[in-house]
Amino acid sequence: MKGFIAIVALTFVATEMFSWAIHRYVYHKALWFIHKSHHTTRRGALELNDIFPVIFAAVSVLLMVVGLQDPSHSNVLPISVGIMAYGGVYFVVHDLYIHRRVRRIALRIPLLLPLKKAHAVHHRTGGEPYGLLFFLHPRQTAKEPVKDEDQV
C-alpha cells in the first residue's frame, strides 16, 4: 500500500511538472490556436481549450483500465490515480476557484490566493508562471492586485 501511495504522489508531482512544460512549450507555441481561447473572454460554458483536460482524462481512464485488467502492469493503476488526482485538483483550483467556471460556486480560499494571483500574472503577461500549483515569480505575484473574489 505504501508503494501505491508513493507512486500516486510522485505521479501527481510529475503531472504538475509535465503540465508546466506542455503549457510553456506546446500550448503557448504550436497549439496556441487552441489555447488562446483560454486567454480570451469566454462566451458560453465551454472553450476550445477544454479539449486538453478531456484528452488527459482519457489517458488516465485508459491507463486505469490497463492497470485493472492486466496484473503484470501493477504500477499503471497508481499512475492513473495520480493523473486523475491532479486533474481533480486542477479542476477545483483552476476552473472552479480561479476562473469561477461555475458561477454559483463562489469558493473563498485564502490559502489559494497566491495561486490566483500567479495565474493572473500569467494571463496578463502570457509568460511565467506556466505551472498551476508550483509557480515561479513570487515577487510579481505579491504585487498582483487580484482579490479573492475577482475572476481571472
N, C-alpha and C. Protein backbone atom coordinates (compact mmCIF):
# COMPACT_ATOMS: atom_id res chain seq x y z
N MET A 1 0.81 -1.20 0.00
CA MET A 1 0.00 0.00 0.00
C MET A 1 0.86 1.27 0.00
N LYS A 2 1.97 1.23 0.76
CA LYS A 2 2.87 2.40 0.78
C LYS A 2 3.41 2.68 -0.61
N GLY A 3 3.75 1.61 -1.34
CA GLY A 3 4.26 1.78 -2.69
C GLY A 3 3.24 2.40 -3.61
N PHE A 4 1.99 1.98 -3.47
CA PHE A 4 0.89 2.52 -4.27
C PHE A 4 0.75 4.02 -4.03
N ILE A 5 0.72 4.40 -2.76
CA ILE A 5 0.56 5.81 -2.39
C ILE A 5 1.77 6.63 -2.86
N ALA A 6 2.96 6.06 -2.74
CA ALA A 6 4.16 6.77 -3.19
C ALA A 6 4.12 7.01 -4.70
N ILE A 7 3.67 6.02 -5.46
CA ILE A 7 3.58 6.18 -6.92
C ILE A 7 2.51 7.22 -7.26
N VAL A 8 1.38 7.20 -6.56
CA VAL A 8 0.34 8.21 -6.79
C VAL A 8 0.91 9.61 -6.53
N ALA A 9 1.59 9.79 -5.41
CA ALA A 9 2.15 11.10 -5.05
C ALA A 9 3.20 11.56 -6.05
N LEU A 10 4.10 10.65 -6.43
CA LEU A 10 5.13 11.01 -7.42
C LEU A 10 4.50 11.36 -8.76
N THR A 11 3.48 10.61 -9.15
CA THR A 11 2.81 10.89 -10.42
C THR A 11 2.11 12.25 -10.37
N PHE A 12 1.50 12.57 -9.23
CA PHE A 12 0.85 13.86 -9.06
C PHE A 12 1.85 14.99 -9.29
N VAL A 13 3.01 14.91 -8.65
CA VAL A 13 4.05 15.94 -8.79
C VAL A 13 4.58 15.95 -10.23
N ALA A 14 4.80 14.78 -10.79
CA ALA A 14 5.29 14.69 -12.18
C ALA A 14 4.28 15.28 -13.16
N THR A 15 3.01 15.12 -12.87
CA THR A 15 1.98 15.67 -13.75
C THR A 15 1.99 17.19 -13.71
N GLU A 16 2.24 17.78 -12.55
CA GLU A 16 2.38 19.24 -12.47
C GLU A 16 3.58 19.69 -13.30
N MET A 17 4.69 18.96 -13.20
CA MET A 17 5.89 19.32 -13.97
C MET A 17 5.63 19.16 -15.47
N PHE A 18 4.96 18.07 -15.85
CA PHE A 18 4.59 17.84 -17.24
C PHE A 18 3.65 18.95 -17.73
N SER A 19 2.69 19.32 -16.88
CA SER A 19 1.74 20.38 -17.25
C SER A 19 2.46 21.70 -17.47
N TRP A 20 3.43 22.02 -16.61
CA TRP A 20 4.21 23.25 -16.79
C TRP A 20 4.90 23.21 -18.15
N ALA A 21 5.57 22.11 -18.46
CA ALA A 21 6.34 22.02 -19.70
C ALA A 21 5.44 22.08 -20.93
N ILE A 22 4.35 21.34 -20.92
CA ILE A 22 3.47 21.33 -22.08
C ILE A 22 2.77 22.68 -22.24
N HIS A 23 2.44 23.32 -21.12
CA HIS A 23 1.82 24.64 -21.17
C HIS A 23 2.81 25.65 -21.77
N ARG A 24 4.04 25.59 -21.31
CA ARG A 24 5.08 26.54 -21.75
C ARG A 24 5.50 26.31 -23.19
N TYR A 25 5.81 25.05 -23.54
CA TYR A 25 6.45 24.77 -24.82
C TYR A 25 5.52 24.25 -25.91
N VAL A 26 4.29 23.91 -25.57
CA VAL A 26 3.36 23.41 -26.59
C VAL A 26 2.13 24.32 -26.69
N TYR A 27 1.44 24.56 -25.57
CA TYR A 27 0.22 25.36 -25.62
C TYR A 27 0.49 26.79 -26.08
N HIS A 28 1.60 27.39 -25.61
CA HIS A 28 1.90 28.77 -25.98
C HIS A 28 2.75 28.86 -27.24
N LYS A 29 2.91 27.76 -27.92
CA LYS A 29 3.64 27.74 -29.20
C LYS A 29 2.77 27.06 -30.25
N ALA A 30 3.02 25.78 -30.50
CA ALA A 30 2.37 25.06 -31.60
C ALA A 30 0.84 24.97 -31.45
N LEU A 31 0.34 24.87 -30.22
CA LEU A 31 -1.10 24.73 -30.03
C LEU A 31 -1.76 26.01 -29.51
N TRP A 32 -1.10 27.14 -29.75
CA TRP A 32 -1.67 28.41 -29.33
C TRP A 32 -3.04 28.66 -29.96
N PHE A 33 -3.24 28.19 -31.18
CA PHE A 33 -4.52 28.39 -31.86
C PHE A 33 -5.68 27.76 -31.08
N ILE A 34 -5.39 26.77 -30.25
CA ILE A 34 -6.40 26.18 -29.37
C ILE A 34 -6.37 26.88 -28.01
N HIS A 35 -5.18 27.01 -27.43
CA HIS A 35 -5.04 27.52 -26.07
C HIS A 35 -5.43 28.99 -25.94
N LYS A 36 -5.33 29.76 -27.02
CA LYS A 36 -5.66 31.18 -26.91
C LYS A 36 -7.11 31.39 -26.49
N SER A 37 -7.96 30.39 -26.71
CA SER A 37 -9.35 30.51 -26.25
C SER A 37 -9.43 30.65 -24.73
N HIS A 38 -8.41 30.16 -24.04
CA HIS A 38 -8.38 30.28 -22.58
C HIS A 38 -7.93 31.67 -22.14
N HIS A 39 -7.25 32.38 -23.00
CA HIS A 39 -6.73 33.71 -22.67
C HIS A 39 -7.63 34.82 -23.19
N THR A 40 -8.79 34.48 -23.70
CA THR A 40 -9.75 35.48 -24.15
C THR A 40 -11.03 35.30 -23.33
N THR A 41 -11.91 36.28 -23.45
CA THR A 41 -13.18 36.20 -22.73
C THR A 41 -14.00 35.05 -23.28
N ARG A 42 -14.43 34.18 -22.39
CA ARG A 42 -15.21 33.01 -22.78
C ARG A 42 -16.65 33.41 -23.05
N ARG A 43 -17.18 32.88 -24.14
CA ARG A 43 -18.60 33.07 -24.46
C ARG A 43 -19.25 31.71 -24.34
N GLY A 44 -20.04 31.53 -23.33
CA GLY A 44 -20.67 30.23 -23.11
C GLY A 44 -19.93 29.43 -22.06
N ALA A 45 -20.38 28.21 -21.88
CA ALA A 45 -19.84 27.36 -20.82
C ALA A 45 -18.49 26.74 -21.19
N LEU A 46 -18.24 26.53 -22.46
CA LEU A 46 -17.03 25.83 -22.90
C LEU A 46 -16.15 26.73 -23.74
N GLU A 47 -14.89 26.33 -23.83
CA GLU A 47 -13.93 26.99 -24.71
C GLU A 47 -13.14 25.90 -25.42
N LEU A 48 -12.55 26.22 -26.54
CA LEU A 48 -11.79 25.22 -27.32
C LEU A 48 -10.70 24.58 -26.47
N ASN A 49 -10.09 25.35 -25.60
CA ASN A 49 -9.03 24.85 -24.72
C ASN A 49 -9.47 23.68 -23.84
N ASP A 50 -10.77 23.52 -23.64
CA ASP A 50 -11.29 22.43 -22.81
C ASP A 50 -10.99 21.05 -23.39
N ILE A 51 -10.54 21.00 -24.62
CA ILE A 51 -10.18 19.71 -25.22
C ILE A 51 -8.99 19.09 -24.49
N PHE A 52 -8.10 19.91 -23.94
CA PHE A 52 -6.90 19.38 -23.28
C PHE A 52 -7.22 18.54 -22.04
N PRO A 53 -8.05 19.02 -21.11
CA PRO A 53 -8.38 18.16 -19.96
C PRO A 53 -9.13 16.90 -20.37
N VAL A 54 -9.91 16.97 -21.43
CA VAL A 54 -10.61 15.77 -21.91
C VAL A 54 -9.59 14.73 -22.38
N ILE A 55 -8.57 15.17 -23.08
CA ILE A 55 -7.52 14.25 -23.55
C ILE A 55 -6.79 13.63 -22.36
N PHE A 56 -6.43 14.45 -21.37
CA PHE A 56 -5.71 13.91 -20.21
C PHE A 56 -6.59 12.97 -19.39
N ALA A 57 -7.87 13.27 -19.30
CA ALA A 57 -8.79 12.37 -18.60
C ALA A 57 -8.89 11.04 -19.34
N ALA A 58 -8.93 11.08 -20.66
CA ALA A 58 -9.00 9.85 -21.45
C ALA A 58 -7.74 9.00 -21.24
N VAL A 59 -6.59 9.65 -21.20
CA VAL A 59 -5.33 8.92 -20.94
C VAL A 59 -5.39 8.27 -19.56
N SER A 60 -5.86 9.00 -18.57
CA SER A 60 -5.95 8.46 -17.22
C SER A 60 -6.90 7.27 -17.17
N VAL A 61 -8.04 7.37 -17.81
CA VAL A 61 -9.01 6.27 -17.82
C VAL A 61 -8.43 5.06 -18.55
N LEU A 62 -7.77 5.29 -19.67
CA LEU A 62 -7.14 4.20 -20.42
C LEU A 62 -6.10 3.48 -19.56
N LEU A 63 -5.26 4.25 -18.89
CA LEU A 63 -4.26 3.65 -18.00
C LEU A 63 -4.92 2.89 -16.86
N MET A 64 -6.01 3.43 -16.34
CA MET A 64 -6.73 2.76 -15.26
C MET A 64 -7.28 1.42 -15.73
N VAL A 65 -7.84 1.38 -16.91
CA VAL A 65 -8.37 0.13 -17.47
C VAL A 65 -7.25 -0.88 -17.64
N VAL A 66 -6.13 -0.46 -18.19
CA VAL A 66 -4.98 -1.36 -18.37
C VAL A 66 -4.50 -1.87 -17.01
N GLY A 67 -4.37 -0.96 -16.05
CA GLY A 67 -3.90 -1.34 -14.72
C GLY A 67 -4.82 -2.30 -13.99
N LEU A 68 -6.11 -2.18 -14.23
CA LEU A 68 -7.07 -3.06 -13.57
C LEU A 68 -7.21 -4.41 -14.28
N GLN A 69 -6.99 -4.43 -15.59
CA GLN A 69 -7.19 -5.66 -16.35
C GLN A 69 -5.95 -6.53 -16.47
N ASP A 70 -4.79 -5.93 -16.32
CA ASP A 70 -3.56 -6.69 -16.53
C ASP A 70 -2.68 -6.61 -15.29
N PRO A 71 -2.67 -7.68 -14.46
CA PRO A 71 -1.87 -7.67 -13.22
C PRO A 71 -0.37 -7.48 -13.46
N SER A 72 0.10 -7.77 -14.67
CA SER A 72 1.53 -7.59 -14.93
C SER A 72 1.90 -6.11 -15.02
N HIS A 73 0.92 -5.25 -15.13
CA HIS A 73 1.14 -3.80 -15.16
C HIS A 73 0.65 -3.16 -13.86
N SER A 74 1.11 -3.69 -12.74
CA SER A 74 0.60 -3.26 -11.43
C SER A 74 0.88 -1.79 -11.11
N ASN A 75 1.92 -1.21 -11.68
CA ASN A 75 2.23 0.20 -11.40
C ASN A 75 1.40 1.17 -12.24
N VAL A 76 0.71 0.66 -13.23
CA VAL A 76 -0.08 1.53 -14.10
C VAL A 76 -1.29 2.10 -13.35
N LEU A 77 -1.89 1.31 -12.48
CA LEU A 77 -3.05 1.80 -11.74
C LEU A 77 -2.72 3.01 -10.85
N PRO A 78 -1.68 2.95 -10.01
CA PRO A 78 -1.40 4.14 -9.20
C PRO A 78 -0.97 5.34 -10.05
N ILE A 79 -0.36 5.09 -11.20
CA ILE A 79 -0.02 6.20 -12.10
C ILE A 79 -1.30 6.86 -12.59
N SER A 80 -2.27 6.05 -12.99
CA SER A 80 -3.54 6.62 -13.47
C SER A 80 -4.26 7.36 -12.34
N VAL A 81 -4.18 6.85 -11.13
CA VAL A 81 -4.82 7.53 -9.99
C VAL A 81 -4.12 8.87 -9.72
N GLY A 82 -2.80 8.92 -9.84
CA GLY A 82 -2.07 10.18 -9.65
C GLY A 82 -2.45 11.22 -10.69
N ILE A 83 -2.59 10.79 -11.95
CA ILE A 83 -3.01 11.71 -13.01
C ILE A 83 -4.43 12.19 -12.74
N MET A 84 -5.31 11.26 -12.35
CA MET A 84 -6.70 11.60 -12.06
C MET A 84 -6.78 12.57 -10.87
N ALA A 85 -5.98 12.33 -9.83
CA ALA A 85 -5.98 13.21 -8.66
C ALA A 85 -5.53 14.62 -9.05
N TYR A 86 -4.49 14.71 -9.88
CA TYR A 86 -4.04 16.02 -10.34
C TYR A 86 -5.15 16.70 -11.14
N GLY A 87 -5.81 15.96 -12.01
CA GLY A 87 -6.90 16.52 -12.79
C GLY A 87 -8.02 17.04 -11.91
N GLY A 88 -8.33 16.31 -10.85
CA GLY A 88 -9.37 16.77 -9.92
C GLY A 88 -8.97 18.04 -9.20
N VAL A 89 -7.73 18.09 -8.73
CA VAL A 89 -7.23 19.29 -8.05
C VAL A 89 -7.19 20.46 -9.04
N TYR A 90 -6.73 20.19 -10.24
CA TYR A 90 -6.67 21.22 -11.28
C TYR A 90 -8.07 21.78 -11.54
N PHE A 91 -9.06 20.90 -11.67
CA PHE A 91 -10.43 21.34 -11.92
C PHE A 91 -10.93 22.25 -10.79
N VAL A 92 -10.74 21.83 -9.55
CA VAL A 92 -11.22 22.61 -8.42
C VAL A 92 -10.47 23.94 -8.32
N VAL A 93 -9.14 23.89 -8.37
CA VAL A 93 -8.34 25.10 -8.18
C VAL A 93 -8.45 26.04 -9.39
N HIS A 94 -8.20 25.51 -10.58
CA HIS A 94 -8.14 26.34 -11.77
C HIS A 94 -9.52 26.74 -12.28
N ASP A 95 -10.37 25.75 -12.50
CA ASP A 95 -11.66 26.05 -13.13
C ASP A 95 -12.68 26.61 -12.15
N LEU A 96 -12.81 26.00 -10.98
CA LEU A 96 -13.83 26.46 -10.03
C LEU A 96 -13.37 27.67 -9.23
N TYR A 97 -12.14 27.63 -8.69
CA TYR A 97 -11.68 28.71 -7.82
C TYR A 97 -11.14 29.90 -8.61
N ILE A 98 -10.17 29.68 -9.47
CA ILE A 98 -9.52 30.80 -10.16
C ILE A 98 -10.44 31.42 -11.21
N HIS A 99 -11.00 30.60 -12.08
CA HIS A 99 -11.80 31.14 -13.18
C HIS A 99 -13.30 31.16 -12.93
N ARG A 100 -13.73 30.58 -11.82
CA ARG A 100 -15.15 30.55 -11.45
C ARG A 100 -16.01 30.10 -12.63
N ARG A 101 -15.66 28.96 -13.20
CA ARG A 101 -16.39 28.43 -14.35
C ARG A 101 -17.81 28.05 -14.00
N VAL A 102 -18.07 27.77 -12.74
CA VAL A 102 -19.44 27.54 -12.27
C VAL A 102 -19.75 28.71 -11.34
N ARG A 103 -20.49 29.67 -11.85
CA ARG A 103 -20.73 30.93 -11.14
C ARG A 103 -21.39 30.74 -9.78
N ARG A 104 -22.24 29.74 -9.65
CA ARG A 104 -22.94 29.53 -8.38
C ARG A 104 -22.02 29.05 -7.28
N ILE A 105 -20.85 28.56 -7.66
CA ILE A 105 -19.88 28.10 -6.66
C ILE A 105 -18.85 29.22 -6.48
N ALA A 106 -18.93 29.90 -5.38
CA ALA A 106 -18.02 31.00 -5.09
C ALA A 106 -17.10 30.56 -3.95
N LEU A 107 -15.98 29.97 -4.31
CA LEU A 107 -15.03 29.49 -3.31
C LEU A 107 -14.21 30.66 -2.78
N ARG A 108 -14.04 30.72 -1.50
CA ARG A 108 -13.20 31.72 -0.84
C ARG A 108 -12.15 30.95 -0.05
N ILE A 109 -10.97 30.84 -0.64
CA ILE A 109 -9.92 30.03 -0.02
C ILE A 109 -8.65 30.89 0.07
N PRO A 110 -8.46 31.59 1.18
CA PRO A 110 -7.30 32.48 1.31
C PRO A 110 -5.96 31.78 1.06
N LEU A 111 -5.87 30.52 1.44
CA LEU A 111 -4.63 29.77 1.23
C LEU A 111 -4.27 29.68 -0.26
N LEU A 112 -5.27 29.71 -1.12
CA LEU A 112 -5.04 29.59 -2.57
C LEU A 112 -4.91 30.94 -3.29
N LEU A 113 -5.03 32.04 -2.56
CA LEU A 113 -4.94 33.35 -3.19
C LEU A 113 -3.62 33.56 -3.94
N PRO A 114 -2.48 33.10 -3.44
CA PRO A 114 -1.25 33.24 -4.22
C PRO A 114 -1.31 32.53 -5.58
N LEU A 115 -2.02 31.40 -5.64
CA LEU A 115 -2.17 30.71 -6.92
C LEU A 115 -3.01 31.54 -7.87
N LYS A 116 -4.06 32.15 -7.35
CA LYS A 116 -4.92 33.01 -8.18
C LYS A 116 -4.13 34.21 -8.69
N LYS A 117 -3.34 34.80 -7.82
CA LYS A 117 -2.53 35.94 -8.23
C LYS A 117 -1.50 35.54 -9.28
N ALA A 118 -0.87 34.40 -9.08
CA ALA A 118 0.12 33.93 -10.05
C ALA A 118 -0.53 33.68 -11.40
N HIS A 119 -1.71 33.10 -11.39
CA HIS A 119 -2.41 32.83 -12.64
C HIS A 119 -2.81 34.14 -13.33
N ALA A 120 -3.17 35.15 -12.54
CA ALA A 120 -3.49 36.46 -13.11
C ALA A 120 -2.27 37.06 -13.81
N VAL A 121 -1.09 36.89 -13.21
CA VAL A 121 0.14 37.36 -13.84
C VAL A 121 0.33 36.65 -15.17
N HIS A 122 0.11 35.35 -15.21
CA HIS A 122 0.26 34.60 -16.45
C HIS A 122 -0.72 35.12 -17.52
N HIS A 123 -1.97 35.33 -17.15
CA HIS A 123 -2.95 35.81 -18.13
C HIS A 123 -2.62 37.22 -18.60
N ARG A 124 -2.10 38.04 -17.71
CA ARG A 124 -1.77 39.41 -18.09
C ARG A 124 -0.54 39.48 -19.00
N THR A 125 0.46 38.63 -18.73
CA THR A 125 1.72 38.72 -19.46
C THR A 125 1.89 37.66 -20.54
N GLY A 126 1.20 36.53 -20.41
CA GLY A 126 1.39 35.42 -21.33
C GLY A 126 2.66 34.63 -21.04
N GLY A 127 3.38 35.02 -19.98
CA GLY A 127 4.62 34.34 -19.62
C GLY A 127 4.48 33.58 -18.31
N GLU A 128 5.60 33.41 -17.62
CA GLU A 128 5.57 32.72 -16.33
C GLU A 128 4.56 33.40 -15.41
N PRO A 129 3.96 32.63 -14.57
CA PRO A 129 4.14 31.21 -14.30
C PRO A 129 3.25 30.34 -15.19
N TYR A 130 3.84 29.27 -15.70
CA TYR A 130 3.09 28.31 -16.51
C TYR A 130 2.53 27.19 -15.66
N GLY A 131 3.09 26.98 -14.49
CA GLY A 131 2.59 25.95 -13.60
C GLY A 131 1.37 26.45 -12.85
N LEU A 132 0.63 25.52 -12.28
CA LEU A 132 -0.55 25.91 -11.51
C LEU A 132 -0.26 25.88 -10.02
N LEU A 133 0.23 24.76 -9.53
CA LEU A 133 0.41 24.59 -8.09
C LEU A 133 1.79 25.04 -7.62
N PHE A 134 2.80 24.83 -8.45
CA PHE A 134 4.16 25.24 -8.12
C PHE A 134 4.54 26.28 -9.16
N PHE A 135 4.55 27.54 -8.77
CA PHE A 135 4.74 28.60 -9.74
C PHE A 135 5.99 29.39 -9.45
N LEU A 136 6.43 30.15 -10.46
CA LEU A 136 7.62 30.98 -10.35
C LEU A 136 7.21 32.44 -10.19
N HIS A 137 8.17 33.30 -10.00
CA HIS A 137 7.99 34.74 -9.90
C HIS A 137 7.13 35.19 -8.71
N PRO A 138 7.51 34.79 -7.50
CA PRO A 138 6.70 35.20 -6.35
C PRO A 138 6.68 36.72 -6.15
N ARG A 139 7.72 37.46 -6.60
CA ARG A 139 7.72 38.92 -6.45
C ARG A 139 6.62 39.55 -7.29
N GLN A 140 6.41 39.03 -8.50
CA GLN A 140 5.32 39.55 -9.34
C GLN A 140 3.97 39.23 -8.72
N THR A 141 3.83 38.03 -8.22
CA THR A 141 2.53 37.64 -7.67
C THR A 141 2.21 38.42 -6.40
N ALA A 142 3.23 38.78 -5.64
CA ALA A 142 2.99 39.54 -4.42
C ALA A 142 2.41 40.92 -4.75
N LYS A 143 2.79 41.49 -5.92
CA LYS A 143 2.31 42.81 -6.32
C LYS A 143 0.99 42.76 -7.06
N GLU A 144 0.57 41.57 -7.45
CA GLU A 144 -0.66 41.42 -8.25
C GLU A 144 -1.87 41.83 -7.42
N PRO A 145 -2.72 42.73 -7.96
CA PRO A 145 -3.84 43.25 -7.17
C PRO A 145 -5.10 42.38 -7.15
N VAL A 146 -5.05 41.18 -7.68
CA VAL A 146 -6.24 40.33 -7.72
C VAL A 146 -6.71 40.02 -6.32
N LYS A 147 -8.01 40.19 -6.09
CA LYS A 147 -8.60 39.85 -4.80
C LYS A 147 -9.25 38.48 -4.93
N ASP A 148 -9.52 37.87 -3.79
CA ASP A 148 -10.10 36.53 -3.77
C ASP A 148 -11.40 36.45 -4.55
N GLU A 149 -12.20 37.50 -4.53
CA GLU A 149 -13.49 37.41 -5.20
C GLU A 149 -13.41 37.76 -6.69
N ASP A 150 -12.27 38.24 -7.16
CA ASP A 150 -12.12 38.57 -8.58
C ASP A 150 -11.98 37.32 -9.42
N GLN A 151 -12.44 37.43 -10.64
CA GLN A 151 -12.23 36.35 -11.61
C GLN A 151 -11.04 36.71 -12.47
N VAL A 152 -10.22 35.73 -12.73
CA VAL A 152 -9.06 35.95 -13.60
C VAL A 152 -9.52 35.82 -15.03
